[in-house]
PDB file of N, CA and C in Angstrom:
ATOM      1  N   MET A   1       7.219  -3.590  11.990  1.00  0.00           N
ATOM      2  CA  MET A   1       7.195  -4.130  10.755  1.00  0.00           C
ATOM      3  C   MET A   1       6.548  -3.071   9.694  1.00  0.00           C
ATOM      4  N   ASN A   2       6.627  -2.445   8.661  1.00  0.00           N
ATOM      5  CA  ASN A   2       5.820  -1.638   7.549  1.00  0.00           C
ATOM      6  C   ASN A   2       4.735  -2.390   7.244  1.00  0.00           C
ATOM      7  N   GLY A   3       3.575  -2.017   7.342  1.00  0.00           N
ATOM      8  CA  GLY A   3       2.267  -2.373   6.676  1.00  0.00           C
ATOM      9  C   GLY A   3       2.064  -3.817   7.538  1.00  0.00           C
ATOM     10  N   CYS A   4       3.000  -4.864   7.976  1.00  0.00           N
ATOM     11  CA  CYS A   4       2.913  -5.714   8.540  1.00  0.00           C
ATOM     12  C   CYS A   4       2.955  -6.084   9.622  1.00  0.00           C
ATOM     13  N   SER A   5       1.476  -6.134  10.077  1.00  0.00           N
ATOM     14  CA  SER A   5       1.064  -5.679  11.465  1.00  0.00           C
ATOM     15  C   SER A   5       1.138  -6.697  12.872  1.00  0.00           C
ATOM     16  N   SER A   6       1.884  -8.178  12.031  1.00  0.00           N
ATOM     17  CA  SER A   6       1.711  -8.854  13.044  1.00  0.00           C
ATOM     18  C   SER A   6       2.387 -10.481  12.786  1.00  0.00           C
ATOM     19  N   ASN A   7       3.511 -10.833  14.235  1.00  0.00           N
ATOM     20  CA  ASN A   7       4.552 -11.599  13.590  1.00  0.00           C
ATOM     21  C   ASN A   7       3.881 -13.115  13.367  1.00  0.00           C
ATOM     22  N   GLU A   8       2.619 -13.111  13.491  1.00  0.00           N
ATOM     23  CA  GLU A   8       1.893 -14.201  13.109  1.00  0.00           C
ATOM     24  C   GLU A   8       1.967 -14.562  11.968  1.00  0.00           C
ATOM     25  N   TYR A   9       1.152 -13.287  11.291  1.00  0.00           N
ATOM     26  CA  TYR A   9       0.805 -13.303   9.693  1.00  0.00           C
ATOM     27  C   TYR A   9       2.536 -13.438   8.733  1.00  0.00           C
ATOM     28  N   TYR A  10       3.370 -12.881   9.527  1.00  0.00           N
ATOM     29  CA  TYR A  10       4.549 -12.943   8.935  1.00  0.00           C
ATOM     30  C   TYR A  10       5.370 -14.183   8.582  1.00  0.00           C
ATOM     31  N   LYS A  11       5.579 -14.771   9.723  1.00  0.00           N
ATOM     32  CA  LYS A  11       5.886 -16.211  10.098  1.00  0.00           C
ATOM     33  C   LYS A  11       4.669 -16.934   9.189  1.00  0.00           C
ATOM     34  N   THR A  12       3.567 -16.832   8.924  1.00  0.00           N
ATOM     35  CA  THR A  12       2.853 -17.975   7.959  1.00  0.00           C
ATOM     36  C   THR A  12       3.514 -17.547   6.576  1.00  0.00           C
ATOM     37  N   VAL A  13       3.473 -16.271   6.350  1.00  0.00           N
ATOM     38  CA  VAL A  13       3.693 -15.819   4.959  1.00  0.00           C
ATOM     39  C   VAL A  13       5.507 -16.532   4.634  1.00  0.00           C
ATOM     40  N   VAL A  14       6.235 -16.561   5.525  1.00  0.00           N
ATOM     41  CA  VAL A  14       7.654 -17.216   5.763  1.00  0.00           C
ATOM     42  C   VAL A  14       7.413 -18.965   5.600  1.00  0.00           C
ATOM     43  N   GLU A  15       6.515 -19.744   6.316  1.00  0.00           N
ATOM     44  CA  GLU A  15       6.369 -20.967   5.682  1.00  0.00           C
ATOM     45  C   GLU A  15       5.198 -20.777   4.094  1.00  0.00           C
ATOM     46  N   MET A  16       4.523 -20.223   4.347  1.00  0.00           N
ATOM     47  CA  MET A  16       4.626 -20.403   2.578  1.00  0.00           C
ATOM     48  C   MET A  16       5.524 -20.180   1.543  1.00  0.00           C
ATOM     49  N   ILE A  17       6.340 -19.451   1.921  1.00  0.00           N
ATOM     50  CA  ILE A  17       7.594 -18.796   0.722  1.00  0.00           C
ATOM     51  C   ILE A  17       8.388 -20.577   0.914  1.00  0.00           C
ATOM     52  N   LYS A  18       8.508 -20.568   1.858  1.00  0.00           N
ATOM     53  CA  LYS A  18       8.962 -21.978   1.968  1.00  0.00           C
ATOM     54  C   LYS A  18       9.009 -23.337   1.089  1.00  0.00           C
ATOM     55  N   THR A  19       7.119 -23.128   1.048  1.00  0.00           N
ATOM     56  CA  THR A  19       6.792 -24.380   0.751  1.00  0.00           C
ATOM     57  C   THR A  19       6.234 -24.103  -1.091  1.00  0.00           C
ATOM     58  N   MET A  20       6.126 -22.784  -1.123  1.00  0.00           N
ATOM     59  CA  MET A  20       5.362 -22.378  -2.920  1.00  0.00           C
ATOM     60  C   MET A  20       6.769 -21.411  -3.410  1.00  0.00           C
ATOM     61  N   GLY A  21       7.245 -20.977  -2.560  1.00  0.00           N
ATOM     62  CA  GLY A  21       8.367 -20.395  -3.300  1.00  0.00           C
ATOM     63  C   GLY A  21       7.808 -19.012  -3.548  1.00  0.00           C
ATOM     64  N   VAL A  22       8.152 -17.470  -3.727  1.00  0.00           N
ATOM     65  CA  VAL A  22       8.085 -16.128  -3.729  1.00  0.00           C
ATOM     66  C   VAL A  22       7.071 -16.349  -4.885  1.00  0.00           C
ATOM     67  N   GLU A  23       7.477 -16.629  -5.731  1.00  0.00           N
ATOM     68  CA  GLU A  23       6.008 -16.553  -6.797  1.00  0.00           C
ATOM     69  C   GLU A  23       4.752 -17.048  -6.957  1.00  0.00           C
ATOM     70  N   GLY A  24       5.124 -18.170  -6.337  1.00  0.00           N
ATOM     71  CA  GLY A  24       4.030 -19.009  -5.601  1.00  0.00           C
ATOM     72  C   GLY A  24       2.990 -18.402  -4.555  1.00  0.00           C
ATOM     73  N   THR A  25       3.672 -17.969  -3.708  1.00  0.00           N
ATOM     74  CA  THR A  25       2.958 -17.517  -2.686  1.00  0.00           C
ATOM     75  C   THR A  25       2.519 -16.009  -2.817  1.00  0.00           C
ATOM     76  N   ASP A  26       3.052 -15.247  -4.079  1.00  0.00           N
ATOM     77  CA  ASP A  26       2.370 -14.025  -4.618  1.00  0.00           C
ATOM     78  C   ASP A  26       1.495 -14.343  -5.378  1.00  0.00           C
ATOM     79  N   ASP A  27       1.437 -15.659  -6.047  1.00  0.00           N
ATOM     80  CA  ASP A  27       0.271 -15.617  -7.048  1.00  0.00           C
ATOM     81  C   ASP A  27      -1.057 -16.189  -5.946  1.00  0.00           C
ATOM     82  N   PHE A  28      -0.425 -16.772  -5.495  1.00  0.00           N
ATOM     83  CA  PHE A  28      -1.482 -17.675  -4.238  1.00  0.00           C
ATOM     84  C   PHE A  28      -2.281 -16.316  -3.525  1.00  0.00           C
ATOM     85  N   LEU A  29      -1.787 -15.819  -2.908  1.00  0.00           N
ATOM     86  CA  LEU A  29      -2.047 -14.357  -2.076  1.00  0.00           C
ATOM     87  C   LEU A  29      -3.057 -13.554  -2.942  1.00  0.00           C
ATOM     88  N   LYS A  30      -2.298 -13.446  -4.408  1.00  0.00           N
ATOM     89  CA  LYS A  30      -3.185 -12.451  -4.953  1.00  0.00           C
ATOM     90  C   LYS A  30      -4.367 -12.990  -5.572  1.00  0.00           C
ATOM     91  N   LYS A  31      -4.683 -14.069  -5.441  1.00  0.00           N
ATOM     92  CA  LYS A  31      -5.931 -14.866  -6.089  1.00  0.00           C
ATOM     93  C   LYS A  31      -6.639 -14.694  -4.899  1.00  0.00           C
ATOM     94  N   GLU A  32      -6.757 -15.129  -3.478  1.00  0.00           N
ATOM     95  CA  GLU A  32      -6.882 -15.501  -2.469  1.00  0.00           C
ATOM     96  C   GLU A  32      -7.642 -13.856  -2.658  1.00  0.00           C
ATOM     97  N   LEU A  33      -6.768 -12.806  -2.367  1.00  0.00           N
ATOM     98  CA  LEU A  33      -7.090 -11.437  -2.309  1.00  0.00           C
ATOM     99  C   LEU A  33      -8.220 -11.336  -3.311  1.00  0.00           C
ATOM    100  N   SER A  34      -8.437 -11.603  -4.705  1.00  0.00           N
ATOM    101  CA  SER A  34      -9.282 -11.303  -5.706  1.00  0.00           C
ATOM    102  C   SER A  34     -10.594 -12.109  -5.557  1.00  0.00           C
ATOM    103  N   ASP A  35     -10.405 -13.401  -4.832  1.00  0.00           N
ATOM    104  CA  ASP A  35     -11.907 -14.467  -5.383  1.00  0.00           C
ATOM    105  C   ASP A  35     -12.413 -14.040  -3.302  1.00  0.00           C
ATOM    106  N   MET A  36     -11.709 -13.239  -2.508  1.00  0.00           N
ATOM    107  CA  MET A  36     -12.230 -13.061  -1.159  1.00  0.00           C
ATOM    108  C   MET A  36     -13.213 -11.592  -1.955  1.00  0.00           C
ATOM    109  N   SER A  37     -12.743 -10.674  -2.362  1.00  0.00           N
ATOM    110  CA  SER A  37     -13.152  -8.989  -3.170  1.00  0.00           C
ATOM    111  C   SER A  37     -14.066  -9.153  -3.531  1.00  0.00           C
ATOM    112  N   LYS A  38     -14.217 -10.318  -4.629  1.00  0.00           N
ATOM    113  CA  LYS A  38     -15.504 -10.652  -5.523  1.00  0.00           C
ATOM    114  C   LYS A  38     -16.738 -11.044  -4.632  1.00  0.00           C
ATOM    115  N   ASN A  39     -16.207 -12.005  -3.769  1.00  0.00           N
ATOM    116  CA  ASN A  39     -17.292 -12.561  -3.242  1.00  0.00           C
ATOM    117  C   ASN A  39     -17.674 -11.267  -2.077  1.00  0.00           C
ATOM    118  N   VAL A  40     -17.120 -10.749  -1.497  1.00  0.00           N
ATOM    119  CA  VAL A  40     -17.731  -9.394  -0.862  1.00  0.00           C
ATOM    120  C   VAL A  40     -18.211  -8.501  -1.679  1.00  0.00           C
ATOM    121  N   ALA A  41     -18.067  -8.383  -3.027  1.00  0.00           N
ATOM    122  CA  ALA A  41     -19.009  -7.657  -3.481  1.00  0.00           C
ATOM    123  C   ALA A  41     -20.378  -8.072  -3.748  1.00  0.00           C
ATOM    124  N   TYR A  42     -20.352  -9.471  -4.443  1.00  0.00           N
ATOM    125  CA  TYR A  42     -21.346  -9.880  -4.367  1.00  0.00           C
ATOM    126  C   TYR A  42     -22.306  -9.934  -3.009  1.00  0.00           C
ATOM    127  N   ILE A  43     -21.594 -10.261  -1.850  1.00  0.00           N
ATOM    128  CA  ILE A  43     -22.783 -10.228  -0.544  1.00  0.00           C
ATOM    129  C   ILE A  43     -23.225  -8.858  -0.803  1.00  0.00           C
ATOM    130  N   ARG A  44     -22.433  -7.741  -0.702  1.00  0.00           N
ATOM    131  CA  ARG A  44     -22.958  -6.594  -0.624  1.00  0.00           C
ATOM    132  C   ARG A  44     -24.226  -6.049  -1.782  1.00  0.00           C
ATOM    133  N   GLU A  45     -23.697  -6.444  -3.031  1.00  0.00           N
ATOM    134  CA  GLU A  45     -25.027  -6.181  -3.366  1.00  0.00           C
ATOM    135  C   GLU A  45     -26.445  -7.009  -3.084  1.00  0.00           C
ATOM    136  N   LYS A  46     -26.078  -8.380  -2.849  1.00  0.00           N
ATOM    137  CA  LYS A  46     -27.460  -8.791  -2.000  1.00  0.00           C
ATOM    138  C   LYS A  46     -27.996  -8.262  -0.932  1.00  0.00           C
ATOM    139  N   VAL A  47     -27.201  -7.385   0.222  1.00  0.00           N
ATOM    140  CA  VAL A  47     -27.759  -7.180   1.013  1.00  0.00           C
ATOM    141  C   VAL A  47     -28.351  -5.877   0.786  1.00  0.00           C
ATOM    142  N   ALA A  48     -27.931  -5.137  -0.194  1.00  0.00           N
ATOM    143  CA  ALA A  48     -28.485  -3.659  -0.925  1.00  0.00           C
ATOM    144  C   ALA A  48     -29.788  -4.256  -1.681  1.00  0.00           C
ATOM    145  N   THR A  49     -30.039  -5.419  -2.009  1.00  0.00           N
ATOM    146  CA  THR A  49     -31.122  -5.868  -2.908  1.00  0.00           C
ATOM    147  C   THR A  49     -32.211  -5.522  -1.656  1.00  0.00           C
ATOM    148  N   ILE A  50     -31.808  -7.044  -0.612  1.00  0.00           N
ATOM    149  CA  ILE A  50     -32.505  -7.371   0.356  1.00  0.00           C
ATOM    150  C   ILE A  50     -33.293  -6.059   1.105  1.00  0.00           C
ATOM    151  N   GLN A  51     -32.360  -5.567   1.336  1.00  0.00           N
ATOM    152  CA  GLN A  51     -32.521  -4.216   1.745  1.00  0.00           C
ATOM    153  C   GLN A  51     -33.814  -3.083   1.186  1.00  0.00           C
ATOM    154  N   TYR A  52     -33.748  -2.563  -0.228  1.00  0.00           N
ATOM    155  CA  TYR A  52     -33.995  -2.278  -1.117  1.00  0.00           C
ATOM    156  C   TYR A  52     -35.718  -2.924  -0.779  1.00  0.00           C
ATOM    157  N   ALA A  53     -35.651  -4.224  -1.059  1.00  0.00           N
ATOM    158  CA  ALA A  53     -37.183  -4.607  -0.917  1.00  0.00           C
ATOM    159  C   ALA A  53     -37.493  -4.514   0.084  1.00  0.00           C
ATOM    160  N   TYR A  54     -37.163  -4.933   1.513  1.00  0.00           N
ATOM    161  CA  TYR A  54     -37.315  -4.558   2.066  1.00  0.00           C
ATOM    162  C   TYR A  54     -38.600  -2.877   2.274  1.00  0.00           C
ATOM    163  N   GLU A  55     -37.785  -1.970   2.412  1.00  0.00           N
ATOM    164  CA  GLU A  55     -37.840  -0.795   1.892  1.00  0.00           C
ATOM    165  C   GLU A  55     -39.397  -0.596   1.244  1.00  0.00           C
ATOM    166  N   LYS A  56     -39.693  -1.585   0.301  1.00  0.00           N
ATOM    167  CA  LYS A  56     -40.828  -1.264  -0.690  1.00  0.00           C
ATOM    168  C   LYS A  56     -42.338  -2.319  -0.127  1.00  0.00           C
ATOM    169  N   GLU A  57     -41.561  -3.575   0.996  1.00  0.00           N
ATOM    170  CA  GLU A  57     -42.092  -4.553   1.100  1.00  0.00           C
ATOM    171  C   GLU A  57     -43.106  -3.776   2.220  1.00  0.00           C
ATOM    172  N   THR A  58     -44.641  -4.201   2.212  1.00  0.00           N
ATOM    173  CA  THR A  58     -45.352  -3.908   3.321  1.00  0.00           C
ATOM    174  C   THR A  58     -46.389  -5.214   3.677  1.00  0.00           C
ATOM    175  N   ASN A  59     -45.911  -6.518   3.577  1.00  0.00           N
ATOM    176  CA  ASN A  59     -46.492  -7.438   4.182  1.00  0.00           C
ATOM    177  C   ASN A  59     -45.495  -7.632   5.372  1.00  0.00           C
ATOM    178  N   SER A  60     -46.172  -8.037   6.883  1.00  0.00           N
ATOM    179  CA  SER A  60     -45.616  -8.004   7.853  1.00  0.00           C
ATOM    180  C   SER A  60     -44.706  -9.429   7.569  1.00  0.00           C
ATOM    181  N   ASP A  61     -45.330 -10.596   7.142  1.00  0.00           N
ATOM    182  CA  ASP A  61     -44.532 -11.831   7.068  1.00  0.00           C
ATOM    183  C   ASP A  61     -43.276 -11.576   6.162  1.00  0.00           C
ATOM    184  N   THR A  62     -43.663 -11.223   5.141  1.00  0.00           N
ATOM    185  CA  THR A  62     -42.340 -10.968   4.308  1.00  0.00           C
ATOM    186  C   THR A  62     -41.522  -9.851   4.789  1.00  0.00           C
ATOM    187  N   LEU A  63     -41.897  -8.764   5.661  1.00  0.00           N
ATOM    188  CA  LEU A  63     -40.783  -8.006   6.289  1.00  0.00           C
ATOM    189  C   LEU A  63     -40.214  -9.189   7.317  1.00  0.00           C
ATOM    190  N   MET A  64     -40.199 -10.189   7.491  1.00  0.00           N
ATOM    191  CA  MET A  64     -40.032 -10.656   9.257  1.00  0.00           C
ATOM    192  C   MET A  64     -38.802 -11.517   8.512  1.00  0.00           C
ATOM    193  N   HIS A  65     -38.940 -11.760   6.899  1.00  0.00           N
ATOM    194  CA  HIS A  65     -38.293 -12.747   6.438  1.00  0.00           C
ATOM    195  C   HIS A  65     -37.092 -12.169   5.896  1.00  0.00           C
ATOM    196  N   LEU A  66     -37.495 -10.916   5.118  1.00  0.00           N
ATOM    197  CA  LEU A  66     -36.465  -9.894   4.524  1.00  0.00           C
ATOM    198  C   LEU A  66     -34.979  -9.669   5.678  1.00  0.00           C
ATOM    199  N   ARG A  67     -36.162  -8.928   6.867  1.00  0.00           N
ATOM    200  CA  ARG A  67     -34.990  -8.744   8.228  1.00  0.00           C
ATOM    201  C   ARG A  67     -34.431  -9.710   7.967  1.00  0.00           C
ATOM    202  N   HIS A  68     -34.973 -10.865   8.544  1.00  0.00           N
ATOM    203  CA  HIS A  68     -33.717 -12.427   9.136  1.00  0.00           C
ATOM    204  C   HIS A  68     -32.570 -12.827   7.385  1.00  0.00           C
ATOM    205  N   ASP A  69     -33.113 -12.336   6.260  1.00  0.00           N
ATOM    206  CA  ASP A  69     -32.451 -12.687   5.411  1.00  0.00           C
ATOM    207  C   ASP A  69     -31.036 -11.504   5.335  1.00  0.00           C
ATOM    208  N   SER A  70     -31.859 -10.078   5.998  1.00  0.00           N
ATOM    209  CA  SER A  70     -30.855  -9.024   5.565  1.00  0.00           C
ATOM    210  C   SER A  70     -29.650  -9.188   6.949  1.00  0.00           C
ATOM    211  N   GLU A  71     -29.896 -10.213   7.833  1.00  0.00           N
ATOM    212  CA  GLU A  71     -29.257  -9.984   9.346  1.00  0.00           C
ATOM    213  C   GLU A  71     -28.163 -11.290   9.061  1.00  0.00           C
ATOM    214  N   ASN A  72     -28.724 -12.000   8.397  1.00  0.00           N
ATOM    215  CA  ASN A  72     -27.487 -13.361   7.894  1.00  0.00           C
ATOM    216  C   ASN A  72     -26.708 -12.962   7.109  1.00  0.00           C
ATOM    217  N   MET A  73     -27.229 -12.280   5.797  1.00  0.00           N
ATOM    218  CA  MET A  73     -26.106 -11.670   4.691  1.00  0.00           C
ATOM    219  C   MET A  73     -25.199 -10.813   5.884  1.00  0.00           C
ATOM    220  N   ILE A  74     -25.648  -9.709   6.143  1.00  0.00           N
ATOM    221  CA  ILE A  74     -24.703  -8.972   6.897  1.00  0.00           C
ATOM    222  C   ILE A  74     -23.570  -9.449   7.790  1.00  0.00           C
ATOM    223  N   GLU A  75     -24.302 -10.645   8.630  1.00  0.00           N
ATOM    224  CA  GLU A  75     -22.966 -11.376   9.233  1.00  0.00           C
ATOM    225  C   GLU A  75     -22.367 -12.136   8.312  1.00  0.00           C
ATOM    226  N   LEU A  76     -23.210 -12.785   7.734  1.00  0.00           N
ATOM    227  CA  LEU A  76     -22.014 -12.944   6.484  1.00  0.00           C
ATOM    228  C   LEU A  76     -20.858 -11.878   5.654  1.00  0.00           C
ATOM    229  N   LEU A  77     -21.003 -11.381   5.600  1.00  0.00           N
ATOM    230  CA  LEU A  77     -20.316  -9.686   4.783  1.00  0.00           C
ATOM    231  C   LEU A  77     -19.367  -9.468   6.107  1.00  0.00           C
ATOM    232  N   ASN A  78     -19.778  -9.561   7.193  1.00  0.00           N
ATOM    233  CA  ASN A  78     -18.600  -9.607   8.229  1.00  0.00           C
ATOM    234  C   ASN A  78     -17.755 -10.230   8.312  1.00  0.00           C
ATOM    235  N   ASN A  79     -17.885 -11.658   8.703  1.00  0.00           N
ATOM    236  CA  ASN A  79     -17.238 -12.543   8.039  1.00  0.00           C
ATOM    237  C   ASN A  79     -16.451 -12.748   7.109  1.00  0.00           C
ATOM    238  N   LEU A  80     -16.922 -12.071   5.522  1.00  0.00           N
ATOM    239  CA  LEU A  80     -15.827 -12.026   4.594  1.00  0.00           C
ATOM    240  C   LEU A  80     -15.372 -10.811   5.014  1.00  0.00           C
ATOM    241  N   LEU A  81     -15.460  -9.966   5.400  1.00  0.00           N
ATOM    242  CA  LEU A  81     -14.922  -8.860   5.810  1.00  0.00           C
ATOM    243  C   LEU A  81     -13.422  -8.681   6.505  1.00  0.00           C
ATOM    244  N   LYS A  82     -13.528  -9.408   7.674  1.00  0.00           N
ATOM    245  CA  LYS A  82     -12.564  -9.918   8.494  1.00  0.00           C
ATOM    246  C   LYS A  82     -11.555 -10.954   7.845  1.00  0.00           C
ATOM    247  N   LYS A  83     -12.241 -12.176   6.603  1.00  0.00           N
ATOM    248  CA  LYS A  83     -11.206 -12.715   6.232  1.00  0.00           C
ATOM    249  C   LYS A  83     -10.778 -12.393   5.192  1.00  0.00           C
ATOM    250  N   LEU A  84     -10.778 -11.479   4.319  1.00  0.00           N
ATOM    251  CA  LEU A  84     -10.607 -10.348   3.703  1.00  0.00           C
ATOM    252  C   LEU A  84      -9.103  -9.095   4.279  1.00  0.00           C
ATOM    253  N   GLU A  85      -9.727  -9.011   5.462  1.00  0.00           N
ATOM    254  CA  GLU A  85      -8.730  -7.958   6.095  1.00  0.00           C
ATOM    255  C   GLU A  85      -7.343  -9.217   6.729  1.00  0.00           C
ATOM    256  N   THR A  86      -7.761 -10.414   6.778  1.00  0.00           N
ATOM    257  CA  THR A  86      -6.553 -11.401   7.667  1.00  0.00           C
ATOM    258  C   THR A  86      -5.912 -11.298   5.972  1.00  0.00           C
ATOM    259  N   ILE A  87      -6.309 -11.885   4.515  1.00  0.00           N
ATOM    260  CA  ILE A  87      -5.657 -11.759   3.707  1.00  0.00           C
ATOM    261  C   ILE A  87      -4.776 -10.834   3.067  1.00  0.00           C
ATOM    262  N   ASP A  88      -5.490  -9.180   3.172  1.00  0.00           N
ATOM    263  CA  ASP A  88      -4.408  -8.435   3.054  1.00  0.00           C
ATOM    264  C   ASP A  88      -3.743  -8.075   3.789  1.00  0.00           C
ATOM    265  N   LYS A  89      -3.704  -8.767   5.381  1.00  0.00           N
ATOM    266  CA  LYS A  89      -2.294  -8.434   5.883  1.00  0.00           C
ATOM    267  C   LYS A  89      -1.288  -9.142   6.097  1.00  0.00           C
ATOM    268  N   ARG A  90      -1.544 -10.598   5.112  1.00  0.00           N
ATOM    269  CA  ARG A  90      -0.534 -11.405   5.127  1.00  0.00           C
ATOM    270  C   ARG A  90       0.290 -11.213   3.608  1.00  0.00           C
ATOM    271  N   TYR A  91      -0.577 -10.531   2.414  1.00  0.00           N
ATOM    272  CA  TYR A  91      -0.406  -9.970   1.475  1.00  0.00           C
ATOM    273  C   TYR A  91       0.550  -8.564   1.578  1.00  0.00           C
ATOM    274  N   MET A  92       0.602  -7.956   2.789  1.00  0.00           N
ATOM    275  CA  MET A  92       1.579  -7.019   3.149  1.00  0.00           C
ATOM    276  C   MET A  92       2.630  -7.161   3.737  1.00  0.00           C
ATOM    277  N   CYS A  93       2.185  -8.574   4.375  1.00  0.00           N
ATOM    278  CA  CYS A  93       3.773  -9.456   5.559  1.00  0.00           C
ATOM    279  C   CYS A  93       4.595  -9.648   4.323  1.00  0.00           C
ATOM    280  N   LEU A  94       4.192 -10.083   3.202  1.00  0.00           N
ATOM    281  CA  LEU A  94       4.700 -11.173   1.947  1.00  0.00           C
ATOM    282  C   LEU A  94       5.392  -9.586   1.526  1.00  0.00           C
ATOM    283  N   GLN A  95       4.752  -8.484   1.251  1.00  0.00           N
ATOM    284  CA  GLN A  95       5.509  -7.127   0.858  1.00  0.00           C
ATOM    285  C   GLN A  95       6.796  -6.589   1.800  1.00  0.00           C
ATOM    286  N   GLU A  96       6.675  -6.892   3.168  1.00  0.00           N
ATOM    287  CA  GLU A  96       7.503  -6.267   4.239  1.00  0.00           C
ATOM    288  C   GLU A  96       8.731  -7.523   4.037  1.00  0.00           C
ATOM    289  N   TYR A  97       8.581  -8.996   3.738  1.00  0.00           N
ATOM    290  CA  TYR A  97       9.075  -9.845   3.488  1.00  0.00           C
ATOM    291  C   TYR A  97      10.038  -9.683   2.447  1.00  0.00           C
ATOM    292  N   LEU A  98       9.522  -9.179   0.949  1.00  0.00           N
ATOM    293  CA  LEU A  98      10.316  -8.468   0.109  1.00  0.00           C
ATOM    294  C   LEU A  98      11.297  -7.780   0.166  1.00  0.00           C
ATOM    295  N   ARG A  99      10.954  -6.834   0.819  1.00  0.00           N
ATOM    296  CA  ARG A  99      11.287  -5.917   1.428  1.00  0.00           C
ATOM    297  C   ARG A  99      12.839  -5.771   2.324  1.00  0.00           C
ATOM    298  N   ARG A 100      12.552  -7.145   3.249  1.00  0.00           N
ATOM    299  CA  ARG A 100      13.418  -6.957   4.244  1.00  0.00           C
ATOM    300  C   ARG A 100      14.644  -7.721   3.406  1.00  0.00           C
ATOM    301  N   ASN A 101      14.619  -8.606   2.390  1.00  0.00           N
ATOM    302  CA  ASN A 101      15.190  -9.525   1.790  1.00  0.00           C
ATOM    303  C   ASN A 101      16.075  -8.923   0.476  1.00  0.00           C
ATOM    304  N   ASN A 102      16.063  -7.767   0.154  1.00  0.00           N
ATOM    305  CA  ASN A 102      16.207  -6.807  -0.732  1.00  0.00           C
ATOM    306  C   ASN A 102      16.153  -7.681  -2.247  1.00  0.00           C
ATOM    307  N   ARG A 103      14.696  -7.819  -2.229  1.00  0.00           N
ATOM    308  CA  ARG A 103      14.456  -8.516  -3.641  1.00  0.00           C
ATOM    309  C   ARG A 103      14.596  -7.494  -4.901  1.00  0.00           C
ATOM    310  N   LYS A 104      14.773  -7.442  -6.250  1.00  0.00           N
ATOM    311  CA  LYS A 104      14.506  -7.044  -6.968  1.00  0.00           C
ATOM    312  C   LYS A 104      13.010  -6.248  -7.389  1.00  0.00           C
ATOM    313  N   GLU A 105      13.078  -5.204  -8.067  1.00  0.00           N
ATOM    314  CA  GLU A 105      11.655  -5.178  -8.541  1.00  0.00           C
ATOM    315  C   GLU A 105      11.397  -5.437  -9.955  1.00  0.00           C
ATOM    316  N   ILE A 106      10.805  -5.935 -10.407  1.00  0.00           N
ATOM    317  CA  ILE A 106      10.866  -5.911 -11.888  1.00  0.00           C
ATOM    318  C   ILE A 106       8.882  -5.518 -12.278  1.00  0.00           C
ATOM    319  N   VAL A 107       9.198  -5.333 -13.236  1.00  0.00           N
ATOM    320  CA  VAL A 107       7.345  -4.650 -14.191  1.00  0.00           C
ATOM    321  C   VAL A 107       7.472  -5.767 -14.768  1.00  0.00           C
ATOM    322  N   TYR A 108       5.448  -6.337 -15.080  1.00  0.00           N
ATOM    323  CA  TYR A 108       5.258  -6.788 -16.158  1.00  0.00           C
ATOM    324  C   TYR A 108       3.844  -6.580 -16.176  1.00  0.00           C
ATOM    325  N   ILE A 109       3.092  -7.208 -17.339  1.00  0.00           N
ATOM    326  CA  ILE A 109       1.625  -6.643 -17.969  1.00  0.00           C
ATOM    327  C   ILE A 109       1.177  -7.973 -17.203  1.00  0.00           C
ATOM    328  N   ASP A 110       0.214  -8.167 -16.013  1.00  0.00           N
ATOM    329  CA  ASP A 110      -1.030  -8.885 -16.168  1.00  0.00           C
ATOM    330  C   ASP A 110      -2.025  -9.265 -16.908  1.00  0.00           C
ATOM    331  N   GLN A 111      -2.390 -10.254 -16.802  1.00  0.00           N
ATOM    332  CA  GLN A 111      -3.741 -10.819 -18.045  1.00  0.00           C
ATOM    333  C   GLN A 111      -4.401  -9.919 -18.398  1.00  0.00           C
ATOM    334  N   ASP A 112      -4.749  -8.545 -17.424  1.00  0.00           N
ATOM    335  CA  ASP A 112      -5.860  -7.878 -17.606  1.00  0.00           C
ATOM    336  C   ASP A 112      -5.186  -6.382 -18.554  1.00  0.00           C
ATOM    337  N   CYS A 113      -3.700  -6.619 -18.791  1.00  0.00           N
ATOM    338  CA  CYS A 113      -3.270  -5.738 -19.577  1.00  0.00           C
ATOM    339  C   CYS A 113      -2.864  -4.386 -18.796  1.00  0.00           C
ATOM    340  N   SER A 114      -3.110  -4.826 -16.699  1.00  0.00           N
ATOM    341  CA  SER A 114      -2.567  -3.827 -16.672  1.00  0.00           C
ATOM    342  C   SER A 114      -1.175  -3.584 -16.014  1.00  0.00           C
ATOM    343  N   TRP A 115      -0.786  -2.530 -16.144  1.00  0.00           N
ATOM    344  CA  TRP A 115       0.747  -2.214 -15.585  1.00  0.00           C
ATOM    345  C   TRP A 115       1.027  -2.553 -14.172  1.00  0.00           C
ATOM    346  N   SER A 116       2.176  -3.765 -13.466  1.00  0.00           N
ATOM    347  CA  SER A 116       1.982  -3.371 -12.293  1.00  0.00           C
ATOM    348  C   SER A 116       3.852  -3.991 -11.919  1.00  0.00           C
ATOM    349  N   SER A 117       3.906  -3.950 -10.560  1.00  0.00           N
ATOM    350  CA  SER A 117       5.514  -4.245  -9.911  1.00  0.00           C
ATOM    351  C   SER A 117       5.465  -5.894  -9.504  1.00  0.00           C
ATOM    352  N   LYS A 118       6.783  -6.552  -9.183  1.00  0.00           N
ATOM    353  CA  LYS A 118       6.542  -7.558  -8.561  1.00  0.00           C
ATOM    354  C   LYS A 118       8.127  -7.594  -8.311  1.00  0.00           C
ATOM    355  N   LYS A 119       7.733  -8.293  -6.915  1.00  0.00           N
ATOM    356  CA  LYS A 119       9.265  -8.362  -6.469  1.00  0.00           C
ATOM    357  C   LYS A 119      10.026  -9.814  -7.155  1.00  0.00           C
ATOM    358  N   ALA A 120      10.946 -10.066  -7.362  1.00  0.00           N
ATOM    359  CA  ALA A 120      11.698 -11.271  -7.924  1.00  0.00           C
ATOM    360  C   ALA A 120      12.885 -11.433  -6.854  1.00  0.00           C
ATOM    361  N   LEU A 121      13.509 -12.195  -7.482  1.00  0.00           N
ATOM    362  CA  LEU A 121      14.919 -13.177  -6.346  1.00  0.00           C
ATOM    363  C   LEU A 121      15.786 -12.741  -7.342  1.00  0.00           C
TER     364      LEU A 121
END
């Protein structure tokens, strides 16, 4: 499969299409990608803030708490990145499904006025 690395993800996408249709699945996965990307960016900023504070701190108790907070945030970030990767793979499987089923490509303007293409029935 081009871009779609797992039959499991592909089957999931096919089931989503059966339930929500192609456009519903596309919208759902795009929202999921957007939301998770925002979460990843937010946690990355938190990690950077904690690490900056850690570099400036001299109190050993505070350093211990910052180190603990940093470790927790990094663990959370790694989990979010794994989820983002899964969502991305499912979206690639949607694109593969559309390619396999010879969907026509149409061009439209997103809400943010950027051009993109979308596969349609």
